[in-house]
Amino acid sequence: MLRLIAEGLSNAEIASSLFIEETTVKTHINNAFAKIDARNRADAVRYAFQKGLARP
């Protein structure tokens, strides 16, 4: 999920690529944000880059 966010995909695009509902994507994103203490997508992207989950 974080990698897809870092790639710049919207929730709808993530849902389509994973064959799940957009509400499910939102739930997963909110859970991920809580686990990594991210307040927004920018924080999540920064975390993904720092941890090597995505490349700039």
C-alpha atoms as a PDB file:
ATOM      1  CA  MET A   1       0.000   0.000   0.000  1.00  0.00           C
ATOM      2  CA  LEU A   2       2.773   2.449   0.914  1.00  0.00           C
ATOM      3  CA  ARG A   3       4.647   1.675  -2.291  1.00  0.00           C
ATOM      4  CA  LEU A   4       1.562   2.416  -4.345  1.00  0.00           C
ATOM      5  CA  ILE A   5       0.989   5.679  -2.489  1.00  0.00           C
ATOM      6  CA  ALA A   6       4.626   6.610  -3.093  1.00  0.00           C
ATOM      7  CA  GLU A   7       4.117   5.928  -6.804  1.00  0.00           C
ATOM      8  CA  GLY A   8       1.459   8.645  -6.748  1.00  0.00           C
ATOM      9  CA  LEU A   9      -1.602   6.449  -7.196  1.00  0.00           C
ATOM     10  CA  SER A  10      -4.950   7.668  -5.937  1.00  0.00           C
ATOM     11  CA  ASN A  11      -7.148   5.534  -3.715  1.00  0.00           C
ATOM     12  CA  ALA A  12      -9.294   4.663  -6.721  1.00  0.00           C
ATOM     13  CA  GLU A  13      -6.243   3.638  -8.764  1.00  0.00           C
ATOM     14  CA  ILE A  14      -4.921   1.516  -5.898  1.00  0.00           C
ATOM     15  CA  ALA A  15      -8.307  -0.174  -5.524  1.00  0.00           C
ATOM     16  CA  SER A  16      -8.439  -0.928  -9.230  1.00  0.00           C
ATOM     17  CA  SER A  17      -4.912  -2.353  -9.334  1.00  0.00           C
ATOM     18  CA  LEU A  18      -5.540  -4.593  -6.310  1.00  0.00           C
ATOM     19  CA  PHE A  19      -9.101  -5.578  -7.311  1.00  0.00           C
ATOM     20  CA  ILE A  20     -10.568  -4.328  -4.021  1.00  0.00           C
ATOM     21  CA  GLU A  21     -13.074  -1.632  -3.071  1.00  0.00           C
ATOM     22  CA  GLU A  22     -11.917   1.938  -2.520  1.00  0.00           C
ATOM     23  CA  THR A  23     -13.322   1.843   1.023  1.00  0.00           C
ATOM     24  CA  THR A  24     -11.038  -1.125   1.733  1.00  0.00           C
ATOM     25  CA  VAL A  25      -8.075   0.870   0.445  1.00  0.00           C
ATOM     26  CA  LYS A  26      -8.998   3.750   2.763  1.00  0.00           C
ATOM     27  CA  THR A  27      -9.174   1.360   5.710  1.00  0.00           C
ATOM     28  CA  HIS A  28      -5.773  -0.146   4.902  1.00  0.00           C
ATOM     29  CA  ILE A  29      -4.228   3.292   4.433  1.00  0.00           C
ATOM     30  CA  ASN A  30      -5.623   4.544   7.743  1.00  0.00           C
ATOM     31  CA  ASN A  31      -4.276   1.441   9.500  1.00  0.00           C
ATOM     32  CA  ALA A  32      -0.859   1.889   7.870  1.00  0.00           C
ATOM     33  CA  PHE A  33      -0.769   5.583   8.797  1.00  0.00           C
ATOM     34  CA  ALA A  34      -1.505   4.686  12.419  1.00  0.00           C
ATOM     35  CA  LYS A  35       1.247   2.047  12.492  1.00  0.00           C
ATOM     36  CA  ILE A  36       3.905   4.353  11.046  1.00  0.00           C
ATOM     37  CA  ASP A  37       2.613   7.495  12.805  1.00  0.00           C
ATOM     38  CA  ALA A  38       1.933   9.313   9.537  1.00  0.00           C
ATOM     39  CA  ARG A  39      -0.466  12.235   9.481  1.00  0.00           C
ATOM     40  CA  ASN A  40      -0.846  12.408   5.713  1.00  0.00           C
ATOM     41  CA  ARG A  41       0.264  10.921   2.380  1.00  0.00           C
ATOM     42  CA  ALA A  42       3.442  13.011   2.348  1.00  0.00           C
ATOM     43  CA  ASP A  43       4.525  11.506   5.686  1.00  0.00           C
ATOM     44  CA  ALA A  44       3.754   8.032   4.345  1.00  0.00           C
ATOM     45  CA  VAL A  45       5.777   8.624   1.167  1.00  0.00           C
ATOM     46  CA  ARG A  46       8.716   9.921   3.211  1.00  0.00           C
ATOM     47  CA  TYR A  47       8.556   6.790   5.382  1.00  0.00           C
ATOM     48  CA  ALA A  48       8.384   4.514   2.318  1.00  0.00           C
ATOM     49  CA  PHE A  49      11.498   6.152   0.848  1.00  0.00           C
ATOM     50  CA  GLN A  50      13.415   6.016   4.147  1.00  0.00           C
ATOM     51  CA  LYS A  51      12.626   2.331   4.643  1.00  0.00           C
ATOM     52  CA  GLY A  52      13.420   1.379   1.066  1.00  0.00           C
ATOM     53  CA  LEU A  53       9.836   0.436   0.238  1.00  0.00           C
ATOM     54  CA  ALA A  54       9.856   2.831  -2.722  1.00  0.00           C
ATOM     55  CA  ARG A  55      12.406   4.650  -4.813  1.00  0.00           C
ATOM     56  CA  PRO A  56      12.337   8.384  -5.630  1.00  0.00           C
END
